[in-house]
Amino acid sequence: MNTTDTVTTADTMRERFVQVTSRLLDEDPRLALVLAEITMDGFRPAQRRHPDRVINVGIREQLLVGVGGGLALTGMRPVVHTFASFLVERPFEQVKLDFGHQDTGGVLVSSSASYDWPAGGYTHMAPGDVALLDTLDGWTVHVPGHPDEAEALLRHAYAAGDDRVYVRLSQMSNAAPLAPGGDLGFQTVREGGAGVVLAVGPMLDGVLAATEGLDVTVLYAATVRPFDDAALRAAAGRATADVVLVEPYLAGTSAAAAGRALLDVPHRVLPLGVGRAELRRFGTIGEHTAAHGLDAASLRRRITSFLR
């Protein structure tokens, strides 16, 4: 499926987040959910059942993260949710201090990152969220590519003791799940000898269409931090160590991680993703995908040109 068409219909990652979190709030008394209005309607039944553990702070994102950090200090497992721009960027100081500095754990669950809601404009876009979290220590980052993967990775995150976890949910989705069991390592989708293409989350379908008939290894990642150094080294060992990274957020976010993984191997890296230049128009998800060169046709041109 072309990436410009990979928008989920009835069953979205965000809906799956509501379903699985509501169930686990019934099962796990340690779990607490903190919201800032966003997605509140979906959680009203859970709030009626657990008014002490489903907390809506209103449109106060710094408070949102601060309350989550405070709950973690009491031994709770907080799940903190809103749009990515308001979860990672706006309250970044609270993320850094209330979780990192306090050395507490929790789960940040975002929606509408990158350009998932173009009509919201640039205030509601956060292509730099993963890069920003990369400046902090100890964060696991999941980028599911399908609602089934989202559910499995959310369950894994909630059960992950006191770890700090970011789950990046998207409106874009691959046609089918590749890691429905919540596999954390990179998976080999195709093998070839002319290079390695790493597709992250919802970028997989576009990458598979773009590389159809090419002699390349395609790896898939639904978890990008920690970076699976061993899988990339193994793939590069089977192929020419020319690596293309295709990520649904800021281009170059994982370039340093790939470089560290291949530190002792002569290699080249082409980082593809969302560009730094702001697109000063709204448009659709598909139009933004094409404008950033992430549709299948553009990816094929960029990948073949690099590998030549």
C-alpha atoms as a PDB file:
ATOM      1  CA  MET A   1       0.000   0.000   0.000  1.00  0.00           C
ATOM      2  CA  ASN A   2       1.291   3.472  -0.869  1.00  0.00           C
ATOM      3  CA  THR A   3       2.091   5.528   2.240  1.00  0.00           C
ATOM      4  CA  THR A   4      -0.176   8.291   0.985  1.00  0.00           C
ATOM      5  CA  ASP A   5      -3.093   5.903   1.493  1.00  0.00           C
ATOM      6  CA  THR A   6      -2.047   4.388   4.834  1.00  0.00           C
ATOM      7  CA  VAL A   7      -4.653   6.030   7.011  1.00  0.00           C
ATOM      8  CA  THR A   8      -6.583   3.722   9.289  1.00  0.00           C
ATOM      9  CA  THR A   9     -10.359   3.600   9.156  1.00  0.00           C
ATOM     10  CA  ALA A  10     -12.600   2.524  12.025  1.00  0.00           C
ATOM     11  CA  ASP A  11      -9.973   0.791  14.169  1.00  0.00           C
ATOM     12  CA  THR A  12      -7.249   3.345  14.872  1.00  0.00           C
ATOM     13  CA  MET A  13      -4.279   3.198  17.213  1.00  0.00           C
ATOM     14  CA  ARG A  14      -5.891   5.867  19.378  1.00  0.00           C
ATOM     15  CA  GLU A  15      -9.114   3.857  19.694  1.00  0.00           C
ATOM     16  CA  ARG A  16      -7.077   0.791  20.600  1.00  0.00           C
ATOM     17  CA  PHE A  17      -5.299   2.883  23.245  1.00  0.00           C
ATOM     18  CA  VAL A  18      -8.670   3.738  24.817  1.00  0.00           C
ATOM     19  CA  GLN A  19      -9.808   0.109  24.751  1.00  0.00           C
ATOM     20  CA  VAL A  20      -6.702  -1.529  26.196  1.00  0.00           C
ATOM     21  CA  THR A  21      -6.068   1.170  28.798  1.00  0.00           C
ATOM     22  CA  SER A  22      -9.671   1.083  30.017  1.00  0.00           C
ATOM     23  CA  ARG A  23      -9.458  -2.706  30.457  1.00  0.00           C
ATOM     24  CA  LEU A  24      -6.141  -2.566  32.272  1.00  0.00           C
ATOM     25  CA  LEU A  25      -7.362   0.156  34.620  1.00  0.00           C
ATOM     26  CA  ASP A  26      -9.935  -2.423  35.770  1.00  0.00           C
ATOM     27  CA  GLU A  27      -7.267  -5.082  36.239  1.00  0.00           C
ATOM     28  CA  ASP A  28      -4.252  -3.206  37.637  1.00  0.00           C
ATOM     29  CA  PRO A  29      -4.798  -0.970  40.701  1.00  0.00           C
ATOM     30  CA  ARG A  30      -1.306   0.503  40.207  1.00  0.00           C
ATOM     31  CA  LEU A  31      -2.206   1.987  36.825  1.00  0.00           C
ATOM     32  CA  ALA A  32      -3.321   5.646  36.687  1.00  0.00           C
ATOM     33  CA  LEU A  33      -4.275   7.740  33.661  1.00  0.00           C
ATOM     34  CA  VAL A  34      -3.678  11.486  33.404  1.00  0.00           C
ATOM     35  CA  LEU A  35      -5.345  13.463  30.587  1.00  0.00           C
ATOM     36  CA  ALA A  36      -5.490  17.079  29.431  1.00  0.00           C
ATOM     37  CA  GLU A  37      -8.946  17.022  27.803  1.00  0.00           C
ATOM     38  CA  ILE A  38      -7.679  15.216  24.696  1.00  0.00           C
ATOM     39  CA  THR A  39      -9.403  11.784  24.310  1.00  0.00           C
ATOM     40  CA  MET A  40     -11.372  12.435  27.529  1.00  0.00           C
ATOM     41  CA  ASP A  41     -14.669  11.402  25.950  1.00  0.00           C
ATOM     42  CA  GLY A  42     -13.329   7.920  25.253  1.00  0.00           C
ATOM     43  CA  PHE A  43     -12.320   7.469  28.885  1.00  0.00           C
ATOM     44  CA  ARG A  44     -15.498   8.694  30.600  1.00  0.00           C
ATOM     45  CA  PRO A  45     -16.720   5.144  31.397  1.00  0.00           C
ATOM     46  CA  ALA A  46     -13.326   4.323  32.924  1.00  0.00           C
ATOM     47  CA  GLN A  47     -13.384   7.570  34.887  1.00  0.00           C
ATOM     48  CA  ARG A  48     -16.777   6.692  36.363  1.00  0.00           C
ATOM     49  CA  ARG A  49     -15.378   3.344  37.495  1.00  0.00           C
ATOM     50  CA  HIS A  50     -12.064   4.743  38.737  1.00  0.00           C
ATOM     51  CA  PRO A  51     -12.475   8.452  39.575  1.00  0.00           C
ATOM     52  CA  ASP A  52      -9.327   8.380  41.701  1.00  0.00           C
ATOM     53  CA  ARG A  53      -7.150   6.959  38.892  1.00  0.00           C
ATOM     54  CA  VAL A  54      -8.488   8.705  35.765  1.00  0.00           C
ATOM     55  CA  ILE A  55      -7.541  12.348  36.198  1.00  0.00           C
ATOM     56  CA  ASN A  56      -8.314  15.148  33.750  1.00  0.00           C
ATOM     57  CA  VAL A  57      -6.259  18.268  34.516  1.00  0.00           C
ATOM     58  CA  GLY A  58      -7.748  20.371  31.711  1.00  0.00           C
ATOM     59  CA  ILE A  59      -5.656  22.114  29.069  1.00  0.00           C
ATOM     60  CA  ARG A  60      -2.605  22.416  31.316  1.00  0.00           C
ATOM     61  CA  GLU A  61       0.140  20.333  29.761  1.00  0.00           C
ATOM     62  CA  GLN A  62       2.927  21.181  32.211  1.00  0.00           C
ATOM     63  CA  LEU A  63       0.588  20.168  35.042  1.00  0.00           C
ATOM     64  CA  LEU A  64      -0.317  17.024  33.078  1.00  0.00           C
ATOM     65  CA  VAL A  65       3.268  15.796  33.173  1.00  0.00           C
ATOM     66  CA  GLY A  66       3.860  17.062  36.698  1.00  0.00           C
ATOM     67  CA  VAL A  67       0.881  15.114  38.030  1.00  0.00           C
ATOM     68  CA  GLY A  68       2.154  12.014  36.237  1.00  0.00           C
ATOM     69  CA  GLY A  69       5.571  12.443  37.824  1.00  0.00           C
ATOM     70  CA  GLY A  70       3.978  12.925  41.228  1.00  0.00           C
ATOM     71  CA  LEU A  71       1.921   9.754  40.884  1.00  0.00           C
ATOM     72  CA  ALA A  72       5.098   7.883  39.963  1.00  0.00           C
ATOM     73  CA  LEU A  73       6.736   9.071  43.192  1.00  0.00           C
ATOM     74  CA  THR A  74       3.892   7.421  45.144  1.00  0.00           C
ATOM     75  CA  GLY A  75       4.533   4.070  43.427  1.00  0.00           C
ATOM     76  CA  MET A  76       1.814   4.310  40.771  1.00  0.00           C
ATOM     77  CA  ARG A  77       2.367   3.510  37.091  1.00  0.00           C
ATOM     78  CA  PRO A  78       1.177   6.730  35.390  1.00  0.00           C
ATOM     79  CA  VAL A  79      -0.006   6.856  31.783  1.00  0.00           C
ATOM     80  CA  VAL A  80       0.120  10.430  30.500  1.00  0.00           C
ATOM     81  CA  HIS A  81      -1.623  11.301  27.235  1.00  0.00           C
ATOM     82  CA  THR A  82      -2.244  14.153  24.810  1.00  0.00           C
ATOM     83  CA  PHE A  83      -1.110  15.297  21.350  1.00  0.00           C
ATOM     84  CA  ALA A  84       2.642  14.879  20.826  1.00  0.00           C
ATOM     85  CA  SER A  85       3.287  18.609  20.520  1.00  0.00           C
ATOM     86  CA  PHE A  86       1.696  19.143  23.951  1.00  0.00           C
ATOM     87  CA  LEU A  87       3.145  15.996  25.549  1.00  0.00           C
ATOM     88  CA  VAL A  88       6.832  16.225  24.613  1.00  0.00           C
ATOM     89  CA  GLU A  89       7.545  19.737  23.333  1.00  0.00           C
ATOM     90  CA  ARG A  90       5.469  22.115  25.475  1.00  0.00           C
ATOM     91  CA  PRO A  91       6.178  20.453  28.879  1.00  0.00           C
ATOM     92  CA  PHE A  92       9.691  19.238  28.034  1.00  0.00           C
ATOM     93  CA  GLU A  93      11.166  20.702  31.232  1.00  0.00           C
ATOM     94  CA  GLN A  94       8.666  18.701  33.282  1.00  0.00           C
ATOM     95  CA  VAL A  95       9.474  15.524  31.313  1.00  0.00           C
ATOM     96  CA  LYS A  96      13.172  16.123  31.958  1.00  0.00           C
ATOM     97  CA  LEU A  97      12.807  16.891  35.665  1.00  0.00           C
ATOM     98  CA  ASP A  98       9.670  15.158  36.932  1.00  0.00           C
ATOM     99  CA  PHE A  99      10.595  11.831  35.359  1.00  0.00           C
ATOM    100  CA  GLY A 100      14.285  11.945  34.431  1.00  0.00           C
ATOM    101  CA  HIS A 101      15.751  13.962  37.304  1.00  0.00           C
ATOM    102  CA  GLN A 102      13.477  12.264  39.845  1.00  0.00           C
ATOM    103  CA  ASP A 103      14.415   8.899  38.273  1.00  0.00           C
ATOM    104  CA  THR A 104      10.794   7.776  38.165  1.00  0.00           C
ATOM    105  CA  GLY A 105       8.989   5.764  35.518  1.00  0.00           C
ATOM    106  CA  GLY A 106       5.878   6.302  33.476  1.00  0.00           C
ATOM    107  CA  VAL A 107       4.327   5.938  30.056  1.00  0.00           C
ATOM    108  CA  LEU A 108       3.842   8.903  27.734  1.00  0.00           C
ATOM    109  CA  VAL A 109       1.307   8.086  25.013  1.00  0.00           C
ATOM    110  CA  SER A 110       0.991  10.605  22.204  1.00  0.00           C
ATOM    111  CA  SER A 111      -1.275  11.015  19.216  1.00  0.00           C
ATOM    112  CA  SER A 112      -1.226  13.290  16.159  1.00  0.00           C
ATOM    113  CA  ALA A 113       2.539  13.616  15.868  1.00  0.00           C
ATOM    114  CA  SER A 114       4.399  14.817  12.748  1.00  0.00           C
ATOM    115  CA  TYR A 115       1.582  15.868  10.381  1.00  0.00           C
ATOM    116  CA  ASP A 116      -1.213  13.493  11.417  1.00  0.00           C
ATOM    117  CA  TRP A 117      -3.690  16.358  11.770  1.00  0.00           C
ATOM    118  CA  PRO A 118      -2.737  18.836   9.032  1.00  0.00           C
ATOM    119  CA  ALA A 119      -5.807  21.004   9.631  1.00  0.00           C
ATOM    120  CA  GLY A 120      -4.518  21.731  13.132  1.00  0.00           C
ATOM    121  CA  GLY A 121      -1.559  23.580  11.671  1.00  0.00           C
ATOM    122  CA  TYR A 122       2.004  23.694  12.923  1.00  0.00           C
ATOM    123  CA  THR A 123       0.991  24.080  16.570  1.00  0.00           C
ATOM    124  CA  HIS A 124      -0.333  20.514  16.414  1.00  0.00           C
ATOM    125  CA  MET A 125       2.655  18.978  14.618  1.00  0.00           C
ATOM    126  CA  ALA A 126       5.657  17.493  16.413  1.00  0.00           C
ATOM    127  CA  PRO A 127       8.105  15.846  14.009  1.00  0.00           C
ATOM    128  CA  GLY A 128      10.923  16.511  16.483  1.00  0.00           C
ATOM    129  CA  ASP A 129       9.470  14.591  19.440  1.00  0.00           C
ATOM    130  CA  VAL A 130      11.694  11.507  19.245  1.00  0.00           C
ATOM    131  CA  ALA A 131      14.791  13.632  18.579  1.00  0.00           C
ATOM    132  CA  LEU A 132      13.965  15.710  21.657  1.00  0.00           C
ATOM    133  CA  LEU A 133      13.569  12.636  23.859  1.00  0.00           C
ATOM    134  CA  ASP A 134      16.938  11.455  22.528  1.00  0.00           C
ATOM    135  CA  THR A 135      18.528  14.240  24.586  1.00  0.00           C
ATOM    136  CA  LEU A 136      17.359  12.458  27.749  1.00  0.00           C
ATOM    137  CA  ASP A 137      18.597   9.229  29.280  1.00  0.00           C
ATOM    138  CA  GLY A 138      16.729   5.984  29.665  1.00  0.00           C
ATOM    139  CA  TRP A 139      13.652   6.358  27.440  1.00  0.00           C
ATOM    140  CA  THR A 140      12.236   3.423  25.498  1.00  0.00           C
ATOM    141  CA  VAL A 141      10.462   4.618  22.338  1.00  0.00           C
ATOM    142  CA  HIS A 142       7.795   2.583  20.539  1.00  0.00           C
ATOM    143  CA  VAL A 143       6.507   3.607  17.096  1.00  0.00           C
ATOM    144  CA  PRO A 144       3.848   1.025  16.171  1.00  0.00           C
ATOM    145  CA  GLY A 145       2.819   0.670  12.559  1.00  0.00           C
ATOM    146  CA  HIS A 146      -0.600  -0.916  13.101  1.00  0.00           C
ATOM    147  CA  PRO A 147      -3.301  -0.907  15.827  1.00  0.00           C
ATOM    148  CA  ASP A 148      -2.460  -4.527  16.751  1.00  0.00           C
ATOM    149  CA  GLU A 149       1.154  -3.519  17.321  1.00  0.00           C
ATOM    150  CA  ALA A 150       0.007  -0.484  19.289  1.00  0.00           C
ATOM    151  CA  GLU A 151      -2.021  -2.653  21.640  1.00  0.00           C
ATOM    152  CA  ALA A 152       0.828  -5.103  22.208  1.00  0.00           C
ATOM    153  CA  LEU A 153       3.375  -2.338  22.796  1.00  0.00           C
ATOM    154  CA  LEU A 154       1.048  -0.473  25.148  1.00  0.00           C
ATOM    155  CA  ARG A 155       0.589  -3.630  27.206  1.00  0.00           C
ATOM    156  CA  HIS A 156       4.349  -4.114  27.264  1.00  0.00           C
ATOM    157  CA  ALA A 157       4.870  -0.497  28.342  1.00  0.00           C
ATOM    158  CA  TYR A 158       2.324  -0.651  31.147  1.00  0.00           C
ATOM    159  CA  ALA A 159       3.906  -3.810  32.528  1.00  0.00           C
ATOM    160  CA  ALA A 160       7.484  -2.537  32.239  1.00  0.00           C
ATOM    161  CA  GLY A 161       8.100  -2.007  35.939  1.00  0.00           C
ATOM    162  CA  ASP A 162       9.289   1.552  36.497  1.00  0.00           C
ATOM    163  CA  ASP A 163      10.806   2.208  33.075  1.00  0.00           C
ATOM    164  CA  ARG A 164      10.277   5.448  31.150  1.00  0.00           C
ATOM    165  CA  VAL A 165       8.442   4.694  27.914  1.00  0.00           C
ATOM    166  CA  TYR A 166       7.148   6.820  25.044  1.00  0.00           C
ATOM    167  CA  VAL A 167       4.505   5.284  22.763  1.00  0.00           C
ATOM    168  CA  ARG A 168       4.001   7.298  19.565  1.00  0.00           C
ATOM    169  CA  LEU A 169       0.584   6.582  18.075  1.00  0.00           C
ATOM    170  CA  SER A 170      -0.245   7.635  14.519  1.00  0.00           C
ATOM    171  CA  GLN A 171      -3.226   8.060  12.232  1.00  0.00           C
ATOM    172  CA  MET A 172      -1.154   6.344   9.546  1.00  0.00           C
ATOM    173  CA  SER A 173      -1.042   2.577   9.551  1.00  0.00           C
ATOM    174  CA  ASN A 174       0.348  -0.285   7.530  1.00  0.00           C
ATOM    175  CA  ALA A 175      -2.190  -2.638   5.977  1.00  0.00           C
ATOM    176  CA  ALA A 176      -1.248  -5.497   8.311  1.00  0.00           C
ATOM    177  CA  PRO A 177       0.692  -5.859  11.564  1.00  0.00           C
ATOM    178  CA  LEU A 178       4.220  -7.205  11.410  1.00  0.00           C
ATOM    179  CA  ALA A 179       4.915  -7.267  15.139  1.00  0.00           C
ATOM    180  CA  PRO A 180       1.520  -8.049  16.712  1.00  0.00           C
ATOM    181  CA  GLY A 181       3.234  -9.716  19.657  1.00  0.00           C
ATOM    182  CA  GLY A 182       5.042  -6.532  20.593  1.00  0.00           C
ATOM    183  CA  ASP A 183       8.451  -7.668  19.306  1.00  0.00           C
ATOM    184  CA  LEU A 184      11.054  -5.100  20.343  1.00  0.00           C
ATOM    185  CA  GLY A 185      13.880  -6.004  17.959  1.00  0.00           C
ATOM    186  CA  PHE A 186      14.208  -5.099  14.290  1.00  0.00           C
ATOM    187  CA  GLN A 187      12.658  -7.684  11.983  1.00  0.00           C
ATOM    188  CA  THR A 188      13.930  -8.755   8.583  1.00  0.00           C
ATOM    189  CA  VAL A 189      11.172  -8.412   5.977  1.00  0.00           C
ATOM    190  CA  ARG A 190      13.272  -8.944   2.821  1.00  0.00           C
ATOM    191  CA  GLU A 191      16.885  -9.846   2.173  1.00  0.00           C
ATOM    192  CA  GLY A 192      19.131  -8.402  -0.504  1.00  0.00           C
ATOM    193  CA  GLY A 193      22.753  -7.518  -1.149  1.00  0.00           C
ATOM    194  CA  ALA A 194      22.784  -3.946  -2.458  1.00  0.00           C
ATOM    195  CA  GLY A 195      21.964  -2.146   0.791  1.00  0.00           C
ATOM    196  CA  VAL A 196      19.745  -1.991   3.867  1.00  0.00           C
ATOM    197  CA  VAL A 197      16.536   0.004   4.242  1.00  0.00           C
ATOM    198  CA  LEU A 198      15.166   0.409   7.772  1.00  0.00           C
ATOM    199  CA  ALA A 199      11.442   1.254   7.811  1.00  0.00           C
ATOM    200  CA  VAL A 200      10.030   2.586  11.080  1.00  0.00           C
ATOM    201  CA  GLY A 201       6.391   2.052  12.099  1.00  0.00           C
ATOM    202  CA  PRO A 202       3.832   3.241   9.527  1.00  0.00           C
ATOM    203  CA  MET A 203       6.541   3.795   6.897  1.00  0.00           C
ATOM    204  CA  LEU A 204       6.782   0.067   6.119  1.00  0.00           C
ATOM    205  CA  ASP A 205       4.124  -0.219   3.403  1.00  0.00           C
ATOM    206  CA  GLY A 206       5.577   2.711   1.492  1.00  0.00           C
ATOM    207  CA  VAL A 207       9.094   1.278   1.788  1.00  0.00           C
ATOM    208  CA  LEU A 208       7.978  -2.145   0.563  1.00  0.00           C
ATOM    209  CA  ALA A 209       6.287  -0.557  -2.452  1.00  0.00           C
ATOM    210  CA  ALA A 210       9.314   1.641  -3.098  1.00  0.00           C
ATOM    211  CA  THR A 211      11.810  -1.242  -2.963  1.00  0.00           C
ATOM    212  CA  GLU A 212       9.772  -3.796  -4.917  1.00  0.00           C
ATOM    213  CA  GLY A 213      12.205  -5.635  -7.206  1.00  0.00           C
ATOM    214  CA  LEU A 214      15.298  -4.000  -5.692  1.00  0.00           C
ATOM    215  CA  ASP A 215      18.123  -6.118  -4.280  1.00  0.00           C
ATOM    216  CA  VAL A 216      17.968  -4.666  -0.774  1.00  0.00           C
ATOM    217  CA  THR A 217      17.409  -5.910   2.739  1.00  0.00           C
ATOM    218  CA  VAL A 218      14.361  -4.324   4.392  1.00  0.00           C
ATOM    219  CA  LEU A 219      14.298  -4.178   8.181  1.00  0.00           C
ATOM    220  CA  TYR A 220      11.248  -3.157  10.198  1.00  0.00           C
ATOM    221  CA  ALA A 221      11.275  -1.364  13.549  1.00  0.00           C
ATOM    222  CA  ALA A 222       8.283  -0.751  15.800  1.00  0.00           C
ATOM    223  CA  THR A 223      10.665   0.018  18.678  1.00  0.00           C
ATOM    224  CA  VAL A 224      13.465   2.484  17.908  1.00  0.00           C
ATOM    225  CA  ARG A 225      14.928   3.068  21.371  1.00  0.00           C
ATOM    226  CA  PRO A 226      16.829   1.141  22.389  1.00  0.00           C
ATOM    227  CA  PHE A 227      18.202   0.915  18.857  1.00  0.00           C
ATOM    228  CA  ASP A 228      18.754  -2.681  17.726  1.00  0.00           C
ATOM    229  CA  ASP A 229      22.463  -2.421  16.941  1.00  0.00           C
ATOM    230  CA  ALA A 230      22.904  -6.162  16.469  1.00  0.00           C
ATOM    231  CA  ALA A 231      20.145  -6.456  13.865  1.00  0.00           C
ATOM    232  CA  LEU A 232      21.496  -3.566  11.802  1.00  0.00           C
ATOM    233  CA  ARG A 233      25.059  -4.911  11.979  1.00  0.00           C
ATOM    234  CA  ALA A 234      23.868  -8.359  10.915  1.00  0.00           C
ATOM    235  CA  ALA A 235      21.907  -6.919   7.982  1.00  0.00           C
ATOM    236  CA  ALA A 236      24.852  -4.773   6.913  1.00  0.00           C
ATOM    237  CA  GLY A 237      27.056  -7.856   7.097  1.00  0.00           C
ATOM    238  CA  ARG A 238      24.824  -9.631   4.582  1.00  0.00           C
ATOM    239  CA  ALA A 239      24.691  -6.639   2.247  1.00  0.00           C
ATOM    240  CA  THR A 240      26.628  -3.589   1.213  1.00  0.00           C
ATOM    241  CA  ALA A 241      26.786  -1.341   4.257  1.00  0.00           C
ATOM    242  CA  ASP A 242      24.752   1.418   2.630  1.00  0.00           C
ATOM    243  CA  VAL A 243      21.858   2.139   4.997  1.00  0.00           C
ATOM    244  CA  VAL A 244      18.676   4.109   4.329  1.00  0.00           C
ATOM    245  CA  LEU A 245      16.615   5.165   7.348  1.00  0.00           C
ATOM    246  CA  VAL A 246      12.935   5.904   6.655  1.00  0.00           C
ATOM    247  CA  GLU A 247      11.320   7.382   9.763  1.00  0.00           C
ATOM    248  CA  PRO A 248       7.899   9.054  10.244  1.00  0.00           C
ATOM    249  CA  TYR A 249       9.433  11.950  12.187  1.00  0.00           C
ATOM    250  CA  LEU A 250      12.356  14.356  11.781  1.00  0.00           C
ATOM    251  CA  ALA A 251      14.820  13.174   9.148  1.00  0.00           C
ATOM    252  CA  GLY A 252      18.123  12.151  10.710  1.00  0.00           C
ATOM    253  CA  THR A 253      16.714  11.310  14.146  1.00  0.00           C
ATOM    254  CA  SER A 254      18.323   7.845  14.151  1.00  0.00           C
ATOM    255  CA  ALA A 255      21.387   8.658  12.046  1.00  0.00           C
ATOM    256  CA  ALA A 256      23.669   8.870  15.077  1.00  0.00           C
ATOM    257  CA  ALA A 257      22.307   5.587  16.463  1.00  0.00           C
ATOM    258  CA  ALA A 258      22.911   3.856  13.129  1.00  0.00           C
ATOM    259  CA  GLY A 259      26.415   5.305  13.000  1.00  0.00           C
ATOM    260  CA  ARG A 260      27.203   3.969  16.459  1.00  0.00           C
ATOM    261  CA  ALA A 261      25.855   0.539  15.512  1.00  0.00           C
ATOM    262  CA  LEU A 262      28.182   0.443  12.486  1.00  0.00           C
ATOM    263  CA  LEU A 263      31.116   2.176  14.128  1.00  0.00           C
ATOM    264  CA  ASP A 264      33.625  -0.495  13.085  1.00  0.00           C
ATOM    265  CA  VAL A 265      32.119  -1.006   9.603  1.00  0.00           C
ATOM    266  CA  PRO A 266      32.725   1.309   6.620  1.00  0.00           C
ATOM    267  CA  HIS A 267      29.241   2.556   5.767  1.00  0.00           C
ATOM    268  CA  ARG A 268      27.054   5.308   4.354  1.00  0.00           C
ATOM    269  CA  VAL A 269      23.716   6.437   5.796  1.00  0.00           C
ATOM    270  CA  LEU A 270      20.867   8.234   4.012  1.00  0.00           C
ATOM    271  CA  PRO A 271      18.383   9.571   6.601  1.00  0.00           C
ATOM    272  CA  LEU A 272      14.868  10.139   5.257  1.00  0.00           C
ATOM    273  CA  GLY A 273      11.947  11.532   7.202  1.00  0.00           C
ATOM    274  CA  VAL A 274      10.051  14.731   7.828  1.00  0.00           C
ATOM    275  CA  GLY A 275      11.986  17.764   6.625  1.00  0.00           C
ATOM    276  CA  ARG A 276      12.931  20.695   8.845  1.00  0.00           C
ATOM    277  CA  ALA A 277      11.261  23.277   6.639  1.00  0.00           C
ATOM    278  CA  GLU A 278       7.711  24.094   7.697  1.00  0.00           C
ATOM    279  CA  LEU A 279       5.116  23.405   5.016  1.00  0.00           C
ATOM    280  CA  ARG A 280       3.064  26.579   5.204  1.00  0.00           C
ATOM    281  CA  ARG A 281      -0.127  24.977   4.030  1.00  0.00           C
ATOM    282  CA  PHE A 282      -2.511  22.495   5.580  1.00  0.00           C
ATOM    283  CA  GLY A 283      -3.514  19.931   2.941  1.00  0.00           C
ATOM    284  CA  THR A 284      -3.953  16.232   3.679  1.00  0.00           C
ATOM    285  CA  ILE A 285      -1.770  13.577   5.255  1.00  0.00           C
ATOM    286  CA  GLY A 286      -1.034  12.239   1.769  1.00  0.00           C
ATOM    287  CA  GLU A 287      -0.021  15.659   0.480  1.00  0.00           C
ATOM    288  CA  HIS A 288       2.330  16.181   3.413  1.00  0.00           C
ATOM    289  CA  THR A 289       3.789  12.710   2.895  1.00  0.00           C
ATOM    290  CA  ALA A 290       4.525  13.488  -0.751  1.00  0.00           C
ATOM    291  CA  ALA A 291       5.880  16.964   0.056  1.00  0.00           C
ATOM    292  CA  HIS A 292       8.392  15.410   2.451  1.00  0.00           C
ATOM    293  CA  GLY A 293       9.412  12.843  -0.163  1.00  0.00           C
ATOM    294  CA  LEU A 294       8.021   9.911   1.801  1.00  0.00           C
ATOM    295  CA  ASP A 295       5.506   8.577  -0.735  1.00  0.00           C
ATOM    296  CA  ALA A 296       6.491   5.351  -2.498  1.00  0.00           C
ATOM    297  CA  ALA A 297       7.494   6.971  -5.796  1.00  0.00           C
ATOM    298  CA  SER A 298       9.715   9.569  -4.125  1.00  0.00           C
ATOM    299  CA  LEU A 299      11.248   6.978  -1.815  1.00  0.00           C
ATOM    300  CA  ARG A 300      12.154   4.772  -4.764  1.00  0.00           C
ATOM    301  CA  ARG A 301      13.888   7.646  -6.558  1.00  0.00           C
ATOM    302  CA  ARG A 302      15.805   8.667  -3.452  1.00  0.00           C
ATOM    303  CA  ILE A 303      16.797   5.130  -2.474  1.00  0.00           C
ATOM    304  CA  THR A 304      17.923   4.042  -5.951  1.00  0.00           C
ATOM    305  CA  SER A 305      19.879   7.252  -6.454  1.00  0.00           C
ATOM    306  CA  PHE A 306      21.683   6.753  -3.147  1.00  0.00           C
ATOM    307  CA  LEU A 307      22.472   3.089  -3.758  1.00  0.00           C
ATOM    308  CA  ARG A 308      23.896   3.804  -7.201  1.00  0.00           C
END
